[in-house]
Amino acid sequence: MIVKEYGNAELFLKEHEITLLENEAASQLLLYFARQSMHAPGAEKELYGVVIEETKITLLFGIIHNVDLFIYSVDTEREDAAAIALADYLGNSHVVLGGLNARNPLCHSFIDQFKKYQKGTFIQKLGTDIMELRQVNDIKPVDGKQRLAIAEDKKLIADWMIQFQIEALIAEADYEASLQRAAQLIEQKELYLYEDEEHQAVSMAAASRRLVHGIGITYVFTPQEHRGKGYAAANIYYLSKTLLEQGYEFCTLFIDKNNPLSNRAYEKVGYKVIGESFEYNIIPLEV
């Protein structure tokens, strides 16, 4: 197997975007970041490439923000050997990584080999199911109403974002950054709240990851005191319906594997699991 490296995301996508689009929801993170990189300052330092066996592509990868490796597997039967080849290539190139995102078997194959080159601790941060919806099921959501978030909601949303980040084990739970992100999503009309019958906001979701043919729903969060009542599923139901009516071919969600109740709730809405995504932190060994 050989690794072919591209100087920038534009060249990478020119040759391989069609492959990524064959299963757009499953490849969305690599595809999304590569497309973003084409217009981002400093992106010329990022690394993209493929692992090829003879003439067949096995893996596609990108190192985002010069630290996090995203891998998408095309051939699961040969991905173990391809992951080892990629680990050897990056290790021999003295690439230092801070994170890894891929299917879990692929993560293990890569980590086992990459440990020979980068000493440190490899910690699983998050395991998620990738869900996709192309048609909303005819269901009756819990009573309430969905609305776009407005400027007056900014502090509430920032608080919820902090809770969301803590639960998702995101290290950078910065309140000022959350305020700015909340304001941005509100201004762009991308953040939706669900209100109960007393007009109290009880759940949020954002339609903020625009893909080529679909859109990713992020920041799906319901405070602890309002969980188990169907509010998140109702919010996702109405939001997904709106997005499909706007012309998106599909909607997609990442759901924590440790929360099977959410998985089943979204399946009732019409979502199906089409893949998985595991995230690992790599903590270098101090010398």
Protein backbone atom coordinates (compact mmCIF):
# COMPACT_ATOMS: atom_id res chain seq x y z
CA MET A 1 0.00 0.00 0.00
CA ILE A 2 1.12 3.54 -0.71
CA VAL A 3 0.13 6.89 0.76
CA LYS A 4 -0.49 9.75 -1.65
CA GLU A 5 -0.28 13.21 -0.14
CA TYR A 6 -1.91 16.40 -1.45
CA GLY A 7 -0.59 19.90 -0.92
CA ASN A 8 -3.97 21.35 -0.06
CA ALA A 9 -7.66 20.54 0.36
CA GLU A 10 -8.59 21.87 -3.08
CA LEU A 11 -6.38 19.36 -4.89
CA PHE A 12 -7.57 16.58 -2.59
CA LEU A 13 -11.24 17.32 -3.24
CA LYS A 14 -10.72 17.75 -6.96
CA GLU A 15 -9.72 14.09 -7.17
CA HIS A 16 -11.70 12.52 -4.33
CA GLU A 17 -14.81 14.53 -3.50
CA ILE A 18 -16.91 12.17 -5.63
CA THR A 19 -15.76 9.24 -3.47
CA LEU A 20 -16.64 11.09 -0.26
CA LEU A 21 -20.05 12.02 -1.65
CA GLU A 22 -20.93 8.36 -2.27
CA ASN A 23 -21.71 8.14 1.46
CA GLU A 24 -21.88 11.79 2.38
CA ALA A 25 -23.33 11.45 5.88
CA ALA A 26 -20.67 8.91 6.93
CA SER A 27 -17.78 10.93 5.44
CA GLN A 28 -19.18 14.30 6.46
CA LEU A 29 -16.50 15.40 8.94
CA LEU A 30 -13.60 14.91 6.56
CA LEU A 31 -15.62 16.35 3.67
CA TYR A 32 -16.84 19.34 5.68
CA PHE A 33 -13.42 20.31 7.06
CA ALA A 34 -11.75 19.87 3.68
CA ARG A 35 -14.30 22.18 2.05
CA GLN A 36 -13.90 24.70 4.88
CA SER A 37 -10.12 24.57 4.51
CA MET A 38 -10.26 25.82 0.95
CA HIS A 39 -11.25 29.25 2.28
CA ALA A 40 -9.54 29.29 5.69
CA PRO A 41 -6.34 31.23 6.48
CA GLY A 42 -3.42 28.95 7.27
CA ALA A 43 -5.09 25.96 5.65
CA GLU A 44 -2.16 25.54 3.29
CA LYS A 45 -0.37 23.86 6.22
CA GLU A 46 -2.99 21.14 6.53
CA LEU A 47 -2.35 17.68 5.14
CA TYR A 48 -4.75 15.57 3.07
CA GLY A 49 -4.25 12.29 1.32
CA VAL A 50 -5.31 8.76 0.46
CA VAL A 51 -4.04 5.23 1.06
CA ILE A 52 -4.04 3.19 -2.14
CA GLU A 53 -3.61 -0.53 -2.75
CA GLU A 54 -2.67 -1.02 -6.39
CA THR A 55 -5.22 1.33 -8.00
CA LYS A 56 -7.94 1.07 -5.34
CA ILE A 57 -8.46 3.71 -2.65
CA THR A 58 -8.80 2.21 0.82
CA LEU A 59 -8.67 5.24 3.13
CA LEU A 60 -9.01 9.00 2.78
CA PHE A 61 -7.63 11.25 5.50
CA GLY A 62 -6.98 14.80 6.56
CA ILE A 63 -5.05 16.43 9.40
CA ILE A 64 -7.17 19.39 10.46
CA HIS A 65 -5.74 22.45 12.22
CA ASN A 66 -2.36 20.70 12.02
CA VAL A 67 -3.22 18.37 14.89
CA ASP A 68 -6.38 16.22 14.49
CA LEU A 69 -6.43 13.27 12.10
CA PHE A 70 -9.74 12.39 10.43
CA ILE A 71 -9.92 9.09 8.54
CA TYR A 72 -12.70 7.81 6.30
CA SER A 73 -12.66 4.16 5.23
CA VAL A 74 -13.79 3.12 1.76
CA ASP A 75 -12.80 -0.55 2.01
CA THR A 76 -13.49 -1.92 5.50
CA GLU A 77 -12.00 -5.32 4.62
CA ARG A 78 -8.58 -3.75 3.96
CA GLU A 79 -8.73 -0.82 6.37
CA ASP A 80 -6.59 -2.55 9.01
CA ALA A 81 -3.59 -2.84 6.67
CA ALA A 82 -4.26 0.65 5.33
CA ALA A 83 -4.32 2.12 8.84
CA ILE A 84 -0.94 0.53 9.58
CA ALA A 85 0.47 1.93 6.34
CA LEU A 86 -0.84 5.40 7.20
CA ALA A 87 0.57 5.21 10.75
CA ASP A 88 3.98 4.23 9.36
CA TYR A 89 3.87 7.05 6.81
CA LEU A 90 2.95 9.74 9.35
CA GLY A 91 5.33 8.34 11.94
CA ASN A 92 8.27 8.27 9.53
CA SER A 93 7.34 11.83 8.51
CA HIS A 94 7.57 12.87 12.20
CA VAL A 95 3.99 14.09 12.27
CA VAL A 96 2.76 14.78 15.81
CA LEU A 97 -0.97 14.30 16.40
CA GLY A 98 -3.28 15.56 19.11
CA GLY A 99 -6.43 13.70 18.15
CA LEU A 100 -7.95 10.99 16.00
CA ASN A 101 -11.45 10.55 14.55
CA ALA A 102 -12.62 7.43 12.67
CA ARG A 103 -14.55 4.18 13.03
CA ASN A 104 -13.47 2.44 16.24
CA PRO A 105 -11.79 -0.64 14.67
CA LEU A 106 -9.87 1.71 12.41
CA CYS A 107 -8.84 3.86 15.38
CA HIS A 108 -7.46 0.80 17.19
CA SER A 109 -5.48 -0.38 14.16
CA PHE A 110 -3.96 3.06 13.65
CA ILE A 111 -3.18 3.66 17.33
CA ASP A 112 -1.51 0.27 17.84
CA GLN A 113 0.95 1.08 15.05
CA PHE A 114 1.36 4.82 15.67
CA LYS A 115 2.40 4.20 19.28
CA LYS A 116 5.74 3.05 17.87
CA TYR A 117 6.39 6.60 16.68
CA GLN A 118 4.55 8.94 19.08
CA LYS A 119 4.82 8.07 22.73
CA GLY A 120 1.89 9.11 24.86
CA THR A 121 -1.57 8.27 26.10
CA PHE A 122 -4.42 7.57 23.68
CA ILE A 123 -7.75 8.23 25.40
CA GLN A 124 -11.17 7.56 23.93
CA LYS A 125 -13.08 10.81 24.29
CA LEU A 126 -16.39 10.06 22.60
CA GLY A 127 -18.15 7.35 20.63
CA THR A 128 -21.12 8.31 18.49
CA ASP A 129 -23.55 6.80 16.02
CA ILE A 130 -23.98 8.74 12.78
CA MET A 131 -27.67 8.96 11.95
CA GLU A 132 -29.28 10.04 8.69
CA LEU A 133 -32.84 11.01 7.76
CA ARG A 134 -34.23 11.39 4.23
CA GLN A 135 -37.95 11.28 5.06
CA VAL A 136 -39.71 12.29 8.26
CA ASN A 137 -42.05 9.70 9.76
CA ASP A 138 -45.66 10.63 10.39
CA ILE A 139 -45.67 10.87 14.19
CA LYS A 140 -47.31 13.09 16.80
CA PRO A 141 -44.62 14.92 18.81
CA VAL A 142 -45.14 16.02 22.39
CA ASP A 143 -47.21 19.18 22.76
CA GLY A 144 -45.25 22.40 22.48
CA LYS A 145 -43.91 24.77 19.86
CA GLN A 146 -40.65 25.24 17.98
CA ARG A 147 -39.24 28.68 17.25
CA LEU A 148 -36.06 30.33 16.07
CA ALA A 149 -33.84 31.58 18.87
CA ILE A 150 -33.67 35.35 19.29
CA ALA A 151 -31.12 37.74 20.79
CA GLU A 152 -32.80 37.63 24.21
CA ASP A 153 -32.06 33.87 24.36
CA LYS A 154 -28.29 34.33 24.05
CA LYS A 155 -27.35 33.88 27.72
CA LEU A 156 -29.62 30.86 28.15
CA ILE A 157 -28.16 29.24 25.05
CA ALA A 158 -24.60 29.97 26.18
CA ASP A 159 -25.35 28.27 29.52
CA TRP A 160 -26.76 25.25 27.67
CA MET A 161 -23.71 25.18 25.38
CA ILE A 162 -21.43 25.01 28.41
CA GLN A 163 -23.46 22.09 29.81
CA PHE A 164 -23.41 20.43 26.39
CA GLN A 165 -19.62 20.75 26.17
CA ILE A 166 -19.11 19.41 29.68
CA GLU A 167 -21.29 16.37 28.98
CA ALA A 168 -19.52 15.80 25.66
CA LEU A 169 -16.15 16.02 27.46
CA ILE A 170 -15.05 18.99 25.35
CA ALA A 171 -12.09 20.56 27.13
CA GLU A 172 -12.63 24.15 25.99
CA ALA A 173 -15.82 25.06 27.88
CA ASP A 174 -15.32 28.81 27.50
CA TYR A 175 -18.31 31.00 28.44
CA GLU A 176 -17.31 34.04 26.37
CA ALA A 177 -16.72 31.82 23.35
CA SER A 178 -20.11 30.21 23.94
CA LEU A 179 -21.78 33.63 24.07
CA GLN A 180 -20.17 34.55 20.77
CA ARG A 181 -21.15 31.24 19.19
CA ALA A 182 -24.73 31.62 20.45
CA ALA A 183 -24.94 35.13 19.02
CA GLN A 184 -23.56 33.91 15.69
CA LEU A 185 -26.06 31.04 15.41
CA ILE A 186 -28.93 33.35 16.35
CA GLU A 187 -27.88 35.98 13.81
CA GLN A 188 -27.58 33.34 11.08
CA LYS A 189 -31.02 31.94 12.03
CA GLU A 190 -29.58 28.48 12.57
CA LEU A 191 -30.57 27.78 16.18
CA TYR A 192 -34.01 26.47 17.12
CA LEU A 193 -35.64 26.21 20.54
CA TYR A 194 -38.56 24.05 21.59
CA GLU A 195 -41.01 25.47 24.12
CA ASP A 196 -43.38 23.52 26.34
CA GLU A 197 -47.03 24.40 26.77
CA GLU A 198 -46.07 27.10 29.31
CA HIS A 199 -43.85 28.76 26.65
CA GLN A 200 -40.68 27.82 28.52
CA ALA A 201 -37.65 26.91 26.39
CA VAL A 202 -36.83 23.26 27.12
CA SER A 203 -34.57 22.06 24.28
CA MET A 204 -32.30 23.38 21.52
CA ALA A 205 -30.77 22.26 18.23
CA ALA A 206 -28.79 24.01 15.50
CA ALA A 207 -28.71 23.42 11.75
CA SER A 208 -25.16 24.61 11.24
CA ARG A 209 -23.09 22.06 9.31
CA ARG A 210 -24.02 22.59 5.67
CA LEU A 211 -22.86 19.74 3.47
CA VAL A 212 -23.02 19.38 -0.30
CA HIS A 213 -26.44 17.72 -0.43
CA GLY A 214 -27.47 17.56 3.22
CA ILE A 215 -27.09 19.35 6.52
CA GLY A 216 -25.80 18.36 9.94
CA ILE A 217 -27.80 19.13 13.08
CA THR A 218 -25.58 20.04 16.03
CA TYR A 219 -25.86 21.37 19.60
CA VAL A 220 -28.75 19.02 20.34
CA PHE A 221 -29.30 19.61 24.05
CA THR A 222 -32.06 19.35 26.66
CA PRO A 223 -31.39 20.34 30.30
CA GLN A 224 -31.51 17.50 32.79
CA GLU A 225 -34.78 18.62 34.38
CA HIS A 226 -36.62 18.47 31.04
CA ARG A 227 -35.29 15.14 29.76
CA GLY A 228 -37.37 12.05 29.16
CA LYS A 229 -40.42 14.04 28.03
CA GLY A 230 -39.89 13.93 24.26
CA TYR A 231 -38.85 17.57 23.80
CA ALA A 232 -35.59 16.86 21.95
CA ALA A 233 -37.30 14.43 19.57
CA ALA A 234 -40.06 17.00 18.92
CA ASN A 235 -37.50 19.70 18.19
CA ILE A 236 -35.59 17.39 15.84
CA TYR A 237 -38.86 16.31 14.15
CA TYR A 238 -39.92 19.85 13.27
CA LEU A 239 -36.40 21.00 12.41
CA SER A 240 -35.73 18.01 10.12
CA LYS A 241 -39.08 18.54 8.40
CA THR A 242 -38.27 22.21 7.81
CA LEU A 243 -34.80 21.47 6.44
CA LEU A 244 -36.07 18.84 3.99
CA GLU A 245 -38.75 21.28 2.82
CA GLN A 246 -35.98 23.83 2.22
CA GLY A 247 -34.41 21.44 -0.29
CA TYR A 248 -31.79 19.50 1.65
CA GLU A 249 -31.70 15.85 0.57
CA PHE A 250 -30.95 14.58 4.07
CA CYS A 251 -30.35 15.59 7.69
CA THR A 252 -27.73 13.99 9.89
CA LEU A 253 -27.03 13.70 13.64
CA PHE A 254 -24.23 12.39 15.85
CA ILE A 255 -25.69 10.58 18.87
CA ASP A 256 -23.66 9.42 21.89
CA LYS A 257 -23.47 5.62 21.94
CA ASN A 258 -23.99 5.78 25.70
CA ASN A 259 -27.46 7.26 25.16
CA PRO A 260 -29.50 4.54 23.42
CA LEU A 261 -32.78 6.22 24.43
CA SER A 262 -31.99 9.18 22.19
CA ASN A 263 -31.09 6.80 19.39
CA ARG A 264 -34.49 5.10 19.60
CA ALA A 265 -36.32 8.43 19.88
CA TYR A 266 -34.73 9.71 16.68
CA GLU A 267 -35.40 6.41 14.92
CA LYS A 268 -39.11 7.04 15.53
CA VAL A 269 -38.68 10.41 13.78
CA GLY A 270 -37.12 8.64 10.78
CA TYR A 271 -33.39 8.62 11.45
CA LYS A 272 -31.29 5.53 10.73
CA VAL A 273 -27.78 4.66 11.92
CA ILE A 274 -25.46 4.63 8.89
CA GLY A 275 -22.05 4.66 10.57
CA GLU A 276 -20.06 5.51 13.66
CA SER A 277 -17.48 8.06 14.71
CA PHE A 278 -15.02 7.67 17.58
CA GLU A 279 -12.85 10.46 18.87
CA TYR A 280 -9.54 9.94 20.69
CA ASN A 281 -7.29 12.44 22.41
CA ILE A 282 -3.55 11.88 22.11
CA ILE A 283 -1.57 13.20 25.07
CA PRO A 284 2.18 13.25 24.29
CA LEU A 285 4.54 11.71 26.82
CA GLU A 286 6.45 14.40 28.68
CA VAL A 287 10.22 14.02 28.50
